Amino acid sequence: MNSTEVKFEPAQPARVAALVDYQSGSIVSREILKGTAGKVTLFAVDEGEGLSEHTSPFNALVQIVEGEAEITVSGQPHRVPAGELILMPAQQPHALKALKRFKMVLTMIRS
């Protein structure tokens, strides 16, 4: 997984999907905001790619901005298309898979 910080102008609109690009056979991430309360990361996930089941000590909110993902939380799969979001609760196992290549915003809240 590649990770680099994306720069964009504060107090100026930015097209979310344009801030991260797909890479064939990969997952690309771009951290756009980080603070003591949490962070916001953009992901571009190529079709067929995903993140295996894992847990996090913090709540994570996923918003799909392009494409479609299968997001499994505590063994329950959910089809999440562009324009929808899902909360992955802290300490619950979750996994993500690209049904179609997708882009998402992941907001991690540390509390």
N, C-alpha and C. Protein backbone atom coordinates (compact mmCIF):
# COMPACT_ATOMS: atom_id res chain seq x y z
N MET A 1 0.85 -1.16 0.00
CA MET A 1 0.00 0.00 0.00
C MET A 1 0.90 1.23 0.00
N ASN A 2 0.66 2.15 -0.93
CA ASN A 2 1.43 3.39 -1.00
C ASN A 2 0.78 4.45 -0.13
N SER A 3 1.57 5.33 0.48
CA SER A 3 1.02 6.39 1.31
C SER A 3 1.88 7.64 1.19
N THR A 4 1.24 8.73 0.79
CA THR A 4 1.89 10.03 0.76
C THR A 4 0.87 11.07 1.12
N GLU A 5 1.33 12.16 1.71
CA GLU A 5 0.43 13.23 2.11
C GLU A 5 0.02 14.04 0.89
N VAL A 6 -1.26 14.36 0.79
CA VAL A 6 -1.78 15.15 -0.30
C VAL A 6 -1.90 16.59 0.17
N LYS A 7 -1.45 17.50 -0.64
CA LYS A 7 -1.58 18.91 -0.32
C LYS A 7 -2.73 19.50 -1.13
N PHE A 8 -3.56 20.26 -0.49
CA PHE A 8 -4.58 21.03 -1.17
C PHE A 8 -4.81 22.28 -0.33
N GLU A 9 -5.40 23.28 -0.93
CA GLU A 9 -5.53 24.59 -0.30
C GLU A 9 -6.58 24.59 0.81
N PRO A 10 -6.21 25.00 2.03
CA PRO A 10 -7.20 25.16 3.10
C PRO A 10 -8.26 26.20 2.71
N ALA A 11 -9.46 26.00 3.17
CA ALA A 11 -10.59 26.90 2.93
C ALA A 11 -10.95 27.02 1.46
N GLN A 12 -10.56 26.01 0.65
CA GLN A 12 -10.90 25.97 -0.78
C GLN A 12 -11.51 24.60 -1.09
N PRO A 13 -12.56 24.58 -1.89
CA PRO A 13 -13.15 23.29 -2.26
C PRO A 13 -12.15 22.41 -3.01
N ALA A 14 -12.27 21.12 -2.81
CA ALA A 14 -11.44 20.15 -3.53
C ALA A 14 -12.33 18.97 -3.91
N ARG A 15 -12.16 18.48 -5.11
CA ARG A 15 -12.91 17.31 -5.57
C ARG A 15 -12.26 16.06 -4.97
N VAL A 16 -12.96 15.40 -4.08
CA VAL A 16 -12.41 14.29 -3.31
C VAL A 16 -11.78 13.23 -4.21
N ALA A 17 -12.51 12.76 -5.21
CA ALA A 17 -12.02 11.67 -6.05
C ALA A 17 -10.75 12.04 -6.81
N ALA A 18 -10.51 13.33 -7.01
CA ALA A 18 -9.32 13.76 -7.75
C ALA A 18 -8.07 13.80 -6.88
N LEU A 19 -8.22 13.64 -5.58
CA LEU A 19 -7.08 13.74 -4.66
C LEU A 19 -6.30 12.44 -4.50
N VAL A 20 -6.81 11.36 -5.09
CA VAL A 20 -6.11 10.08 -5.03
C VAL A 20 -6.37 9.33 -6.35
N ASP A 21 -5.34 8.68 -6.88
CA ASP A 21 -5.46 7.98 -8.16
C ASP A 21 -5.37 6.47 -7.98
N TYR A 22 -6.05 5.74 -8.85
CA TYR A 22 -5.94 4.28 -8.86
C TYR A 22 -4.57 3.86 -9.36
N GLN A 23 -4.11 2.72 -8.87
CA GLN A 23 -2.91 2.09 -9.38
C GLN A 23 -3.27 0.62 -9.60
N SER A 24 -2.98 0.10 -10.77
CA SER A 24 -3.35 -1.26 -11.13
C SER A 24 -2.85 -2.28 -10.11
N GLY A 25 -3.79 -3.12 -9.62
CA GLY A 25 -3.44 -4.19 -8.69
C GLY A 25 -3.03 -3.73 -7.32
N SER A 26 -3.40 -2.49 -6.95
CA SER A 26 -2.93 -1.94 -5.67
C SER A 26 -4.01 -1.18 -4.91
N ILE A 27 -3.63 -0.84 -3.70
CA ILE A 27 -4.39 0.08 -2.86
C ILE A 27 -3.50 1.30 -2.63
N VAL A 28 -4.01 2.47 -2.95
CA VAL A 28 -3.25 3.71 -2.77
C VAL A 28 -3.94 4.51 -1.67
N SER A 29 -3.17 5.04 -0.74
CA SER A 29 -3.74 5.86 0.33
C SER A 29 -3.07 7.23 0.36
N ARG A 30 -3.85 8.23 0.78
CA ARG A 30 -3.36 9.59 0.93
C ARG A 30 -3.93 10.18 2.21
N GLU A 31 -3.09 10.43 3.18
CA GLU A 31 -3.54 11.07 4.42
C GLU A 31 -3.70 12.56 4.15
N ILE A 32 -4.89 13.09 4.42
CA ILE A 32 -5.10 14.51 4.15
C ILE A 32 -5.25 15.36 5.39
N LEU A 33 -5.51 14.72 6.53
CA LEU A 33 -5.65 15.47 7.77
C LEU A 33 -5.31 14.55 8.93
N LYS A 34 -4.50 15.06 9.86
CA LYS A 34 -4.13 14.27 11.02
C LYS A 34 -4.05 15.18 12.23
N GLY A 35 -4.66 14.75 13.33
CA GLY A 35 -4.63 15.50 14.58
C GLY A 35 -4.75 14.57 15.76
N THR A 36 -4.76 15.11 16.95
CA THR A 36 -4.83 14.28 18.15
C THR A 36 -6.15 13.53 18.27
N ALA A 37 -7.23 14.08 17.69
CA ALA A 37 -8.54 13.43 17.79
C ALA A 37 -8.77 12.38 16.73
N GLY A 38 -7.90 12.35 15.69
CA GLY A 38 -8.08 11.36 14.64
C GLY A 38 -7.43 11.79 13.35
N LYS A 39 -7.80 11.09 12.27
CA LYS A 39 -7.24 11.42 10.96
C LYS A 39 -8.22 11.09 9.86
N VAL A 40 -7.98 11.71 8.69
CA VAL A 40 -8.79 11.47 7.51
C VAL A 40 -7.84 11.00 6.42
N THR A 41 -8.15 9.85 5.82
CA THR A 41 -7.32 9.26 4.78
C THR A 41 -8.19 8.91 3.59
N LEU A 42 -7.69 9.19 2.40
CA LEU A 42 -8.36 8.80 1.16
C LEU A 42 -7.72 7.53 0.65
N PHE A 43 -8.53 6.65 0.07
CA PHE A 43 -8.03 5.41 -0.51
C PHE A 43 -8.59 5.24 -1.92
N ALA A 44 -7.77 4.69 -2.81
CA ALA A 44 -8.20 4.23 -4.13
C ALA A 44 -7.86 2.75 -4.18
N VAL A 45 -8.88 1.91 -4.35
CA VAL A 45 -8.70 0.46 -4.28
C VAL A 45 -9.08 -0.13 -5.64
N ASP A 46 -8.12 -0.81 -6.27
CA ASP A 46 -8.38 -1.40 -7.58
C ASP A 46 -9.31 -2.60 -7.44
N GLU A 47 -10.05 -2.91 -8.51
CA GLU A 47 -10.99 -4.02 -8.50
C GLU A 47 -10.32 -5.31 -8.07
N GLY A 48 -10.98 -6.04 -7.16
CA GLY A 48 -10.46 -7.30 -6.67
C GLY A 48 -9.51 -7.17 -5.49
N GLU A 49 -9.04 -5.97 -5.22
CA GLU A 49 -8.14 -5.74 -4.09
C GLU A 49 -8.95 -5.49 -2.82
N GLY A 50 -8.30 -5.52 -1.67
CA GLY A 50 -9.01 -5.25 -0.43
C GLY A 50 -8.08 -5.31 0.76
N LEU A 51 -8.69 -5.15 1.91
CA LEU A 51 -7.98 -5.25 3.19
C LEU A 51 -8.55 -6.44 3.93
N SER A 52 -7.69 -7.35 4.37
CA SER A 52 -8.14 -8.53 5.08
C SER A 52 -8.72 -8.15 6.45
N GLU A 53 -9.42 -9.10 7.04
CA GLU A 53 -10.09 -8.84 8.31
C GLU A 53 -9.09 -8.40 9.38
N HIS A 54 -9.44 -7.34 10.09
CA HIS A 54 -8.62 -6.81 11.17
C HIS A 54 -9.54 -6.02 12.12
N THR A 55 -8.99 -5.58 13.22
CA THR A 55 -9.74 -4.72 14.14
C THR A 55 -8.96 -3.43 14.36
N SER A 56 -9.66 -2.45 14.88
CA SER A 56 -9.06 -1.16 15.21
C SER A 56 -9.52 -0.77 16.60
N PRO A 57 -8.67 -0.09 17.36
CA PRO A 57 -9.09 0.35 18.68
C PRO A 57 -10.04 1.54 18.65
N PHE A 58 -10.28 2.10 17.43
CA PHE A 58 -11.09 3.31 17.30
C PHE A 58 -12.20 3.10 16.27
N ASN A 59 -13.28 3.88 16.41
CA ASN A 59 -14.32 3.89 15.39
C ASN A 59 -13.74 4.41 14.09
N ALA A 60 -14.23 3.87 12.98
CA ALA A 60 -13.79 4.31 11.65
C ALA A 60 -15.02 4.47 10.77
N LEU A 61 -15.18 5.67 10.21
CA LEU A 61 -16.29 5.96 9.32
C LEU A 61 -15.77 5.91 7.89
N VAL A 62 -16.41 5.08 7.05
CA VAL A 62 -16.03 4.94 5.64
C VAL A 62 -17.13 5.56 4.79
N GLN A 63 -16.72 6.46 3.89
CA GLN A 63 -17.64 7.03 2.91
C GLN A 63 -17.12 6.67 1.52
N ILE A 64 -17.93 5.97 0.75
CA ILE A 64 -17.55 5.60 -0.61
C ILE A 64 -17.89 6.77 -1.53
N VAL A 65 -16.88 7.26 -2.26
CA VAL A 65 -17.09 8.41 -3.14
C VAL A 65 -17.13 8.02 -4.62
N GLU A 66 -16.69 6.81 -4.93
CA GLU A 66 -16.68 6.34 -6.32
C GLU A 66 -16.61 4.82 -6.29
N GLY A 67 -17.33 4.15 -7.18
CA GLY A 67 -17.27 2.70 -7.27
C GLY A 67 -18.15 2.00 -6.25
N GLU A 68 -17.74 0.78 -5.87
CA GLU A 68 -18.55 -0.02 -4.93
C GLU A 68 -17.65 -0.98 -4.17
N ALA A 69 -17.89 -1.07 -2.86
CA ALA A 69 -17.11 -1.95 -1.99
C ALA A 69 -18.02 -2.93 -1.27
N GLU A 70 -17.42 -4.06 -0.91
CA GLU A 70 -18.07 -4.96 0.05
C GLU A 70 -17.31 -4.76 1.35
N ILE A 71 -18.04 -4.31 2.37
CA ILE A 71 -17.44 -4.06 3.67
C ILE A 71 -18.10 -5.01 4.65
N THR A 72 -17.27 -5.85 5.25
CA THR A 72 -17.76 -6.85 6.20
C THR A 72 -17.43 -6.38 7.62
N VAL A 73 -18.45 -6.34 8.46
CA VAL A 73 -18.28 -5.94 9.86
C VAL A 73 -18.83 -7.07 10.72
N SER A 74 -17.99 -7.62 11.58
CA SER A 74 -18.38 -8.72 12.46
C SER A 74 -19.05 -9.85 11.69
N GLY A 75 -18.47 -10.20 10.53
CA GLY A 75 -18.96 -11.32 9.74
C GLY A 75 -20.14 -11.00 8.83
N GLN A 76 -20.70 -9.81 8.92
CA GLN A 76 -21.86 -9.42 8.11
C GLN A 76 -21.41 -8.57 6.93
N PRO A 77 -21.52 -9.09 5.67
CA PRO A 77 -21.10 -8.31 4.50
C PRO A 77 -22.15 -7.26 4.12
N HIS A 78 -21.66 -6.12 3.66
CA HIS A 78 -22.53 -5.02 3.20
C HIS A 78 -22.00 -4.51 1.87
N ARG A 79 -22.88 -4.38 0.88
CA ARG A 79 -22.52 -3.73 -0.39
C ARG A 79 -22.68 -2.24 -0.17
N VAL A 80 -21.62 -1.50 -0.38
CA VAL A 80 -21.65 -0.06 -0.13
C VAL A 80 -21.23 0.67 -1.42
N PRO A 81 -22.21 1.26 -2.12
CA PRO A 81 -21.90 1.97 -3.36
C PRO A 81 -21.54 3.43 -3.10
N ALA A 82 -21.11 4.10 -4.16
CA ALA A 82 -20.78 5.53 -4.08
C ALA A 82 -21.97 6.30 -3.49
N GLY A 83 -21.66 7.23 -2.62
CA GLY A 83 -22.68 8.05 -1.99
C GLY A 83 -23.17 7.51 -0.66
N GLU A 84 -22.73 6.31 -0.27
CA GLU A 84 -23.13 5.74 1.01
C GLU A 84 -21.94 5.65 1.95
N LEU A 85 -22.25 5.51 3.23
CA LEU A 85 -21.21 5.37 4.24
C LEU A 85 -21.58 4.29 5.23
N ILE A 86 -20.58 3.85 5.98
CA ILE A 86 -20.79 2.82 7.00
C ILE A 86 -19.80 3.07 8.14
N LEU A 87 -20.27 2.84 9.35
CA LEU A 87 -19.42 2.95 10.53
C LEU A 87 -18.88 1.57 10.88
N MET A 88 -17.57 1.48 11.01
CA MET A 88 -16.94 0.25 11.47
C MET A 88 -16.59 0.49 12.93
N PRO A 89 -17.35 -0.09 13.86
CA PRO A 89 -17.14 0.18 15.28
C PRO A 89 -15.80 -0.34 15.80
N ALA A 90 -15.28 0.36 16.77
CA ALA A 90 -14.03 -0.03 17.42
C ALA A 90 -14.14 -1.46 17.95
N GLN A 91 -13.05 -2.19 17.86
CA GLN A 91 -12.91 -3.55 18.39
C GLN A 91 -13.75 -4.60 17.67
N GLN A 92 -14.43 -4.26 16.60
CA GLN A 92 -15.18 -5.25 15.83
C GLN A 92 -14.41 -5.58 14.56
N PRO A 93 -14.24 -6.86 14.24
CA PRO A 93 -13.48 -7.21 13.04
C PRO A 93 -14.18 -6.71 11.79
N HIS A 94 -13.36 -6.22 10.85
CA HIS A 94 -13.91 -5.72 9.59
C HIS A 94 -12.91 -5.96 8.46
N ALA A 95 -13.44 -5.99 7.24
CA ALA A 95 -12.64 -6.21 6.03
C ALA A 95 -13.28 -5.45 4.89
N LEU A 96 -12.48 -5.12 3.87
CA LEU A 96 -12.98 -4.39 2.71
C LEU A 96 -12.52 -5.09 1.44
N LYS A 97 -13.40 -5.12 0.42
CA LYS A 97 -13.05 -5.70 -0.87
C LYS A 97 -13.70 -4.87 -1.97
N ALA A 98 -12.95 -4.64 -3.03
CA ALA A 98 -13.46 -3.87 -4.17
C ALA A 98 -14.29 -4.76 -5.09
N LEU A 99 -15.61 -4.58 -5.08
CA LEU A 99 -16.48 -5.26 -6.04
C LEU A 99 -16.26 -4.63 -7.42
N LYS A 100 -16.12 -3.32 -7.43
CA LYS A 100 -15.65 -2.50 -8.55
C LYS A 100 -14.57 -1.64 -7.92
N ARG A 101 -13.64 -1.17 -8.69
CA ARG A 101 -12.64 -0.31 -8.06
C ARG A 101 -13.38 0.86 -7.40
N PHE A 102 -12.87 1.27 -6.25
CA PHE A 102 -13.57 2.31 -5.51
C PHE A 102 -12.60 3.26 -4.83
N LYS A 103 -13.14 4.43 -4.51
CA LYS A 103 -12.42 5.41 -3.71
C LYS A 103 -13.25 5.69 -2.48
N MET A 104 -12.55 5.86 -1.37
CA MET A 104 -13.26 6.10 -0.11
C MET A 104 -12.51 7.11 0.75
N VAL A 105 -13.27 7.73 1.62
CA VAL A 105 -12.72 8.58 2.67
C VAL A 105 -12.86 7.79 3.96
N LEU A 106 -11.76 7.61 4.68
CA LEU A 106 -11.77 6.93 5.98
C LEU A 106 -11.49 7.98 7.05
N THR A 107 -12.45 8.14 7.96
CA THR A 107 -12.28 9.07 9.08
C THR A 107 -12.16 8.25 10.35
N MET A 108 -11.00 8.31 10.98
CA MET A 108 -10.72 7.56 12.20
C MET A 108 -10.86 8.52 13.38
N ILE A 109 -11.73 8.17 14.32
CA ILE A 109 -11.95 8.98 15.50
C ILE A 109 -11.34 8.29 16.70
N ARG A 110 -10.41 8.97 17.35
CA ARG A 110 -9.72 8.40 18.52
C ARG A 110 -10.43 8.81 19.80
N SER A 111 -11.34 7.95 20.25
CA SER A 111 -12.03 8.23 21.51
C SER A 111 -12.59 6.93 22.07
